[in-house]
């Protein structure tokens, strides 16, 4: 394991930007439909998971997993000389 390289930091930043855009798109397109179907399912007693829990998992993935993957990819590209 080496020191933190500038390529790793750039990769992490790009992963964070990608995660931010991904979260914005999912929050605008997916969450309203999930909330609507969840509210309807509550009236029929067939609801499962709260959409806030699902969006919390998506938020963790977008803001932690994507930057870490970007950091790893950036370091690998720097080690290969690209």
Protein backbone atom coordinates (compact mmCIF):
# COMPACT_ATOMS: atom_id res chain seq x y z
CA UNK A 1 0.00 0.00 0.00
CA UNK A 2 1.57 3.25 -1.08
CA UNK A 3 1.01 6.87 -0.30
CA UNK A 4 -2.03 8.77 -1.44
CA UNK A 5 -1.53 9.74 -5.05
CA UNK A 6 -3.07 12.62 -6.91
CA UNK A 7 -4.68 10.17 -9.32
CA UNK A 8 -6.42 8.43 -6.46
CA UNK A 9 -7.77 11.73 -5.17
CA UNK A 10 -8.96 12.71 -8.66
CA UNK A 11 -10.60 9.30 -9.02
CA UNK A 12 -12.32 9.69 -5.65
CA UNK A 13 -13.56 13.13 -6.64
CA UNK A 14 -14.91 11.81 -9.94
CA UNK A 15 -16.57 8.95 -8.06
CA UNK A 16 -18.17 11.47 -5.71
CA UNK A 17 -19.42 13.57 -8.63
CA UNK A 18 -20.83 10.46 -10.31
CA UNK A 19 -22.49 9.42 -7.03
CA UNK A 20 -23.99 12.87 -6.60
CA UNK A 21 -25.51 12.84 -10.08
CA UNK A 22 -26.72 9.28 -9.56
CA UNK A 23 -28.38 10.24 -6.26
CA UNK A 24 -30.04 13.31 -7.76
CA UNK A 25 -31.47 11.27 -10.64
CA UNK A 26 -32.71 8.49 -8.37
CA UNK A 27 -34.15 10.96 -5.87
CA UNK A 28 -36.11 12.75 -8.61
CA UNK A 29 -37.28 9.70 -10.60
CA UNK A 30 -37.41 6.71 -8.27
CA UNK A 31 -38.35 8.08 -4.84
CA UNK A 32 -41.72 9.67 -5.73
CA UNK A 33 -42.95 6.43 -7.33
CA UNK A 34 -41.74 4.37 -4.38
CA UNK A 35 -43.41 6.74 -1.92
CA UNK A 36 -46.69 6.69 -3.84
CA UNK A 37 -46.82 2.90 -4.03
CA UNK A 38 -45.80 2.62 -0.36
CA UNK A 39 -48.60 4.94 0.75
CA UNK A 40 -51.11 2.93 -1.29
CA UNK A 41 -49.76 -0.34 0.12
CA UNK A 42 -50.18 0.98 3.67
CA UNK A 43 -53.91 1.26 3.09
CA UNK A 44 -54.11 -2.38 1.99
CA UNK A 45 -51.64 -3.64 4.65
CA UNK A 46 -49.24 -5.01 2.02
CA UNK A 47 -46.34 -2.61 2.53
CA UNK A 48 -42.81 -3.91 2.97
CA UNK A 49 -39.87 -1.50 3.32
CA UNK A 50 -40.09 2.22 3.91
CA UNK A 51 -38.76 4.13 0.88
CA UNK A 52 -36.62 6.23 3.24
CA UNK A 53 -34.68 3.09 4.21
CA UNK A 54 -34.11 2.21 0.56
CA UNK A 55 -33.00 5.76 -0.24
CA UNK A 56 -30.67 5.63 2.77
CA UNK A 57 -28.95 2.57 1.33
CA UNK A 58 -28.72 4.30 -2.04
CA UNK A 59 -27.26 7.39 -0.36
CA UNK A 60 -24.59 5.31 1.38
CA UNK A 61 -23.71 3.67 -1.93
CA UNK A 62 -23.56 6.95 -3.81
CA UNK A 63 -21.51 8.92 -1.28
CA UNK A 64 -19.17 6.26 0.09
CA UNK A 65 -18.89 3.31 -2.28
CA UNK A 66 -18.49 5.28 -5.53
CA UNK A 67 -15.67 7.52 -4.20
CA UNK A 68 -13.83 4.50 -2.79
CA UNK A 69 -14.11 2.67 -6.11
CA UNK A 70 -12.94 5.83 -7.91
CA UNK A 71 -9.95 6.08 -5.58
CA UNK A 72 -8.99 2.46 -6.20
CA UNK A 73 -9.35 2.84 -9.97
CA UNK A 74 -7.31 6.07 -9.92
CA UNK A 75 -4.50 4.42 -8.00
CA UNK A 76 -4.48 1.42 -10.32
CA UNK A 77 -4.28 3.67 -13.36
CA UNK A 78 -1.40 5.58 -11.77
CA UNK A 79 0.44 2.33 -10.99
CA UNK A 80 0.11 1.17 -14.58
CA UNK A 81 1.48 4.45 -15.90
CA UNK A 82 -1.62 5.68 -17.70
